[in-house]
Amino acid sequence: MKNNFFCILFACIIFSNNNFAQQDSALVKKDSLDYYDMSLDQLMNLKSHGLPSELEAFVNSLIAVASKKPLNLRESPSVITLITKEEINKSGARDLIDVLRLVPGIDFGVDIEGVVGIGMRGNWANEGKVLVLLDGQEMNEIISAGNMFGNHYPIEQIKKIEVIRGPGSAIYGGSAEYGVINIVTNQAEDINGICVSGTYGQMEKDYGRRNLNLSIGKKIKDFSFSLSGLVGQGQRSDQTYTDYLDSSYSMKGNSSFCLLYTSPSPRDRQKSRMPSSA
């Protein structure tokens, strides 16, 4: 009787071990991949396992700013920041300045004659050191290769923003010494009809911005078209600026974002200075 008990116990242990081994082999077969038998194309298209669907879609988003050809974010040869339309909407941004301030190392300041310019990685970069592209077209002005910001690029028309946080001169030339910003606007399939939007901001004494955006786009089989426009005004402040020499300057109606290198009238020059900081 004692021998029979040990025989039954031994048989139960062997049976249970076999079941565990079969389950382990099934798990290994299900979750593992034979990388040695995969082709190069299969390895390039391999996706990460266990990532949430939103993160998976993000890391496989196609960008073109780093190499001028579509690559996913993981294959990009540069330090890339990708800002999607969903992130722009959730941020509550009112202007491109608000959006770009979400990128580490980017900030803005006031240059000569009150022009708002960009700084990157602790360096003032407005004089042709950051290249701004709009759907691949260079937006830097010709004289100093600088860029003006503030009520110039309507965020309602932006699909995504690709930013190289570091030198991009090897591909884009000297204007990309500190970085490249590529703004991709909504295409025909994104608009798919007519889109009208308006924004208004009020300061204490005057308006801050007042804009009207219009986008029209449609895709029919292989044919597509789109048209977008912005009509608007914006100003930096409605307050009185006083410098360290106690000279004053009213910014109400005289600090437009839309004017290039504006300056006060000769009468104003005698009693005041344009602001040099904000």
Protein backbone atom coordinates (compact mmCIF):
# COMPACT_ATOMS: atom_id res chain seq x y z
CA MET A 1 0.00 0.00 0.00
CA LYS A 2 2.84 2.34 0.86
CA ASN A 3 4.57 1.63 -2.45
CA ASN A 4 1.34 2.30 -4.38
CA PHE A 5 0.98 5.71 -2.67
CA PHE A 6 4.49 6.78 -3.76
CA CYS A 7 3.86 5.55 -7.31
CA ILE A 8 0.66 7.61 -7.56
CA LEU A 9 2.39 10.70 -6.12
CA PHE A 10 5.30 10.34 -8.59
CA ALA A 11 2.88 10.00 -11.52
CA CYS A 12 1.02 13.19 -10.45
CA ILE A 13 4.26 15.18 -10.29
CA ILE A 14 5.34 14.03 -13.77
CA PHE A 15 1.89 14.85 -15.21
CA SER A 16 1.85 18.35 -13.71
CA ASN A 17 5.40 19.07 -14.96
CA ASN A 18 4.40 18.05 -18.46
CA ASN A 19 1.40 20.42 -18.36
CA PHE A 20 3.57 23.36 -17.22
CA ALA A 21 6.15 22.60 -19.90
CA GLN A 22 3.46 22.53 -22.60
CA GLN A 23 2.03 25.85 -21.39
CA ASP A 24 5.50 27.46 -21.29
CA SER A 25 6.32 26.26 -24.78
CA ALA A 26 2.99 27.59 -26.04
CA LEU A 27 3.68 30.99 -24.48
CA VAL A 28 7.17 31.14 -25.95
CA LYS A 29 5.87 30.21 -29.36
CA LYS A 30 3.12 32.85 -29.14
CA ASP A 31 5.08 35.83 -27.81
CA SER A 32 8.55 35.33 -29.29
CA LEU A 33 9.79 36.21 -32.77
CA ASP A 34 12.46 34.42 -34.75
CA TYR A 35 14.59 37.43 -35.70
CA TYR A 36 17.16 35.32 -37.54
CA ASP A 37 14.61 34.17 -40.14
CA MET A 38 13.24 37.67 -40.79
CA SER A 39 14.21 39.75 -43.82
CA LEU A 40 15.64 43.26 -43.57
CA ASP A 41 12.31 44.78 -44.65
CA GLN A 42 10.49 42.82 -41.95
CA LEU A 43 12.95 44.00 -39.33
CA MET A 44 12.57 47.62 -40.46
CA ASN A 45 8.77 47.36 -40.17
CA LEU A 46 8.89 45.62 -36.80
CA LYS A 47 6.80 47.40 -34.20
CA SER A 48 7.27 47.49 -30.44
CA HIS A 49 5.28 44.99 -28.38
CA GLY A 50 3.11 45.98 -25.47
CA LEU A 51 2.95 49.72 -26.23
CA PRO A 52 -0.38 51.54 -25.97
CA SER A 53 -1.96 52.24 -29.35
CA GLU A 54 -1.58 56.04 -28.98
CA LEU A 55 2.14 55.75 -28.19
CA GLU A 56 2.61 53.24 -31.02
CA ALA A 57 0.98 55.65 -33.47
CA PHE A 58 3.15 58.50 -32.20
CA VAL A 59 6.54 56.74 -32.48
CA ASN A 60 5.62 55.58 -35.99
CA SER A 61 4.51 59.05 -37.15
CA LEU A 62 6.17 60.05 -40.41
CA ILE A 63 8.35 63.18 -40.36
CA ALA A 64 10.37 64.76 -43.14
CA VAL A 65 12.31 67.58 -41.50
CA ALA A 66 15.41 65.55 -40.56
CA SER A 67 16.22 63.97 -43.90
CA LYS A 68 13.77 65.55 -46.40
CA LYS A 69 12.22 62.11 -46.91
CA PRO A 70 9.47 60.54 -44.78
CA LEU A 71 10.85 58.52 -41.87
CA ASN A 72 9.20 57.46 -38.66
CA LEU A 73 10.19 59.17 -35.44
CA ARG A 74 12.34 56.27 -34.20
CA GLU A 75 14.41 56.17 -37.40
CA SER A 76 15.13 59.91 -37.48
CA PRO A 77 18.87 60.73 -37.40
CA SER A 78 18.32 63.97 -35.42
CA VAL A 79 16.88 65.06 -32.09
CA ILE A 80 13.29 65.66 -33.17
CA THR A 81 10.30 67.13 -31.37
CA LEU A 82 6.94 66.41 -32.97
CA ILE A 83 3.90 68.46 -31.93
CA THR A 84 0.62 67.05 -33.21
CA LYS A 85 -2.64 68.89 -33.83
CA GLU A 86 -4.19 67.11 -30.85
CA GLU A 87 -1.43 68.42 -28.58
CA ILE A 88 -1.91 71.94 -29.94
CA ASN A 89 -5.65 71.82 -29.24
CA LYS A 90 -5.17 70.45 -25.73
CA SER A 91 -2.50 73.02 -24.86
CA GLY A 92 -4.92 75.96 -25.11
CA ALA A 93 -2.36 77.86 -27.20
CA ARG A 94 -3.52 81.05 -28.93
CA ASP A 95 -0.46 81.62 -31.09
CA LEU A 96 2.53 79.76 -32.55
CA ILE A 97 4.67 81.34 -29.82
CA ASP A 98 2.62 79.49 -27.18
CA VAL A 99 3.03 76.19 -29.04
CA LEU A 100 6.79 76.46 -29.60
CA ARG A 101 7.36 77.31 -25.95
CA LEU A 102 6.33 73.72 -25.22
CA VAL A 103 9.56 72.58 -26.90
CA PRO A 104 12.55 72.39 -24.51
CA GLY A 105 15.13 75.08 -25.23
CA ILE A 106 12.89 77.44 -27.24
CA ASP A 107 11.83 80.86 -26.00
CA PHE A 108 11.07 84.31 -27.39
CA GLY A 109 12.14 87.89 -26.80
CA VAL A 110 11.95 91.36 -28.31
CA ASP A 111 14.62 92.43 -30.78
CA ILE A 112 15.38 95.91 -32.18
CA GLU A 113 12.37 98.03 -33.17
CA GLY A 114 10.11 95.77 -31.11
CA VAL A 115 10.30 92.73 -33.41
CA VAL A 116 9.57 89.45 -31.59
CA GLY A 117 12.29 86.90 -32.33
CA ILE A 118 13.26 83.39 -31.28
CA GLY A 119 15.95 82.04 -29.00
CA MET A 120 17.07 78.41 -28.93
CA ARG A 121 19.17 76.45 -26.45
CA GLY A 122 20.14 79.59 -24.54
CA ASN A 123 21.25 81.55 -27.62
CA TRP A 124 19.60 84.44 -29.43
CA ALA A 125 18.80 82.97 -32.82
CA ASN A 126 16.72 85.55 -34.65
CA GLU A 127 19.45 86.65 -37.07
CA GLY A 128 19.36 83.69 -39.44
CA LYS A 129 20.21 80.91 -37.01
CA VAL A 130 16.86 79.08 -36.96
CA LEU A 131 15.23 78.08 -40.23
CA VAL A 132 11.42 78.24 -40.36
CA LEU A 133 9.67 76.23 -43.07
CA LEU A 134 6.00 76.37 -43.99
CA ASP A 135 5.11 73.14 -45.80
CA GLY A 136 8.77 72.92 -46.81
CA GLN A 137 9.01 76.53 -48.06
CA GLU A 138 11.56 78.82 -46.38
CA MET A 139 9.95 81.70 -44.47
CA ASN A 140 13.09 83.55 -43.30
CA GLU A 141 13.22 87.06 -44.72
CA ILE A 142 15.99 87.95 -47.16
CA ILE A 143 17.91 90.79 -45.47
CA SER A 144 18.98 89.17 -42.21
CA ALA A 145 17.36 85.72 -42.60
CA GLY A 146 15.37 86.46 -39.44
CA ASN A 147 11.80 85.60 -38.60
CA MET A 148 9.03 87.57 -36.97
CA PHE A 149 6.67 85.81 -34.60
CA GLY A 150 3.37 86.81 -33.09
CA ASN A 151 0.05 86.55 -34.95
CA HIS A 152 1.76 85.47 -38.17
CA TYR A 153 1.04 81.72 -38.29
CA PRO A 154 -2.57 80.76 -37.39
CA ILE A 155 -2.51 77.60 -35.29
CA GLU A 156 -6.02 76.66 -36.49
CA GLN A 157 -4.46 75.82 -39.87
CA ILE A 158 -1.54 73.77 -38.49
CA LYS A 159 -1.59 69.97 -38.75
CA LYS A 160 1.73 69.32 -37.00
CA ILE A 161 5.06 70.95 -36.22
CA GLU A 162 8.42 69.20 -36.65
CA VAL A 163 11.39 70.72 -34.81
CA ILE A 164 15.08 69.81 -35.06
CA ARG A 165 16.58 70.85 -31.72
CA GLY A 166 20.15 71.20 -32.88
CA PRO A 167 22.23 72.03 -35.97
CA GLY A 168 20.61 71.31 -39.31
CA SER A 169 23.03 73.21 -41.55
CA ALA A 170 24.36 70.06 -43.24
CA ILE A 171 21.02 69.68 -45.02
CA TYR A 172 19.47 73.15 -44.94
CA GLY A 173 22.43 75.55 -45.03
CA GLY A 174 23.60 78.33 -42.72
CA SER A 175 20.15 79.50 -41.63
CA ALA A 176 19.70 76.25 -39.68
CA GLU A 177 22.67 76.71 -37.35
CA TYR A 178 20.66 76.22 -34.15
CA GLY A 179 17.60 74.37 -35.42
CA VAL A 180 14.84 73.88 -37.98
CA ILE A 181 11.09 74.39 -37.51
CA ASN A 182 8.85 72.83 -40.15
CA ILE A 183 5.19 73.82 -39.95
CA VAL A 184 2.86 71.43 -41.80
CA THR A 185 -0.59 72.86 -42.53
CA ASN A 186 -3.89 71.05 -43.02
CA GLN A 187 -4.16 69.34 -46.39
CA ALA A 188 -7.24 68.83 -48.55
CA GLU A 189 -8.19 65.54 -46.87
CA ASP A 190 -7.82 67.17 -43.43
CA ILE A 191 -10.13 70.08 -44.30
CA ASN A 192 -12.64 68.15 -46.44
CA GLY A 193 -14.96 71.09 -46.96
CA ILE A 194 -15.02 74.63 -45.59
CA CYS A 195 -13.62 75.61 -42.20
CA VAL A 196 -14.13 79.08 -40.72
CA SER A 197 -12.80 80.15 -37.32
CA GLY A 198 -12.22 83.40 -35.48
CA THR A 199 -10.23 84.49 -32.43
CA TYR A 200 -10.43 87.59 -30.31
CA GLY A 201 -8.41 88.70 -27.31
CA GLN A 202 -9.05 91.76 -25.18
CA MET A 203 -6.54 93.67 -23.05
CA GLU A 204 -7.32 96.37 -20.52
CA LYS A 205 -7.44 99.32 -22.94
CA ASP A 206 -7.45 97.77 -26.40
CA TYR A 207 -7.71 94.49 -28.29
CA GLY A 208 -4.91 91.96 -28.13
CA ARG A 209 -5.71 90.06 -31.33
CA ARG A 210 -8.62 89.72 -33.73
CA ASN A 211 -8.35 87.16 -36.50
CA LEU A 212 -10.51 85.42 -39.07
CA ASN A 213 -9.34 82.12 -40.61
CA LEU A 214 -10.78 80.52 -43.73
CA SER A 215 -9.80 77.12 -45.17
CA ILE A 216 -11.31 75.33 -48.15
CA GLY A 217 -10.21 71.87 -49.23
CA LYS A 218 -11.50 68.75 -50.94
CA LYS A 219 -10.09 65.47 -52.18
CA ILE A 220 -11.88 63.59 -54.94
CA LYS A 221 -10.13 60.35 -55.89
CA ASP A 222 -6.67 61.39 -57.15
CA PHE A 223 -7.53 65.09 -57.40
CA SER A 224 -7.25 67.41 -54.41
CA PHE A 225 -7.12 71.16 -53.75
CA SER A 226 -6.89 73.40 -50.71
CA LEU A 227 -6.88 77.13 -50.03
CA SER A 228 -6.25 78.82 -46.67
CA GLY A 229 -6.10 82.44 -45.60
CA LEU A 230 -5.81 84.65 -42.53
CA VAL A 231 -7.03 88.21 -42.01
CA GLY A 232 -6.18 89.68 -38.65
CA GLN A 233 -4.43 92.10 -36.36
CA GLY A 234 -2.47 91.67 -33.16
CA GLN A 235 -0.45 93.87 -30.81
CA ARG A 236 1.91 93.17 -27.95
CA SER A 237 0.59 95.55 -25.30
CA ASP A 238 -1.70 98.50 -24.57
CA GLN A 239 0.35 99.81 -21.65
CA THR A 240 2.84 102.66 -21.33
CA TYR A 241 6.47 101.58 -21.53
CA THR A 242 9.02 103.47 -19.43
CA ASP A 243 12.74 102.81 -19.81
CA TYR A 244 15.59 103.32 -17.34
CA LEU A 245 16.00 106.95 -18.49
CA ASP A 246 12.38 107.61 -17.50
CA SER A 247 11.34 108.08 -21.12
CA SER A 248 7.81 106.86 -21.86
CA TYR A 249 6.16 105.31 -24.88
CA SER A 250 2.50 104.32 -25.29
CA MET A 251 2.26 100.86 -26.84
CA LYS A 252 -1.48 101.13 -27.49
CA GLY A 253 -1.94 101.11 -31.26
CA ASN A 254 1.86 101.31 -31.74
CA SER A 255 3.01 97.74 -31.06
CA SER A 256 1.50 95.80 -33.93
CA PHE A 257 2.68 92.26 -34.63
CA CYS A 258 1.93 92.68 -38.29
CA LEU A 259 4.20 95.62 -39.11
CA LEU A 260 7.81 95.03 -40.11
CA TYR A 261 10.45 97.12 -38.32
CA THR A 262 8.06 99.89 -37.36
CA SER A 263 9.26 102.94 -35.50
CA PRO A 264 7.58 105.96 -33.90
CA SER A 265 7.06 109.22 -35.68
CA PRO A 266 9.78 111.95 -35.50
CA ARG A 267 7.74 113.78 -32.84
CA ASP A 268 7.60 110.61 -30.72
CA ARG A 269 11.35 110.03 -31.17
CA GLN A 270 12.13 113.28 -29.38
CA LYS A 271 10.25 112.33 -26.22
CA SER A 272 10.42 108.56 -26.13
CA ARG A 273 12.17 105.34 -27.07
CA MET A 274 10.90 102.13 -28.57
CA PRO A 275 10.85 99.30 -26.02
CA SER A 276 13.96 97.12 -26.01
CA SER A 277 12.60 94.36 -23.81
CA ALA A 278 9.27 92.84 -22.84
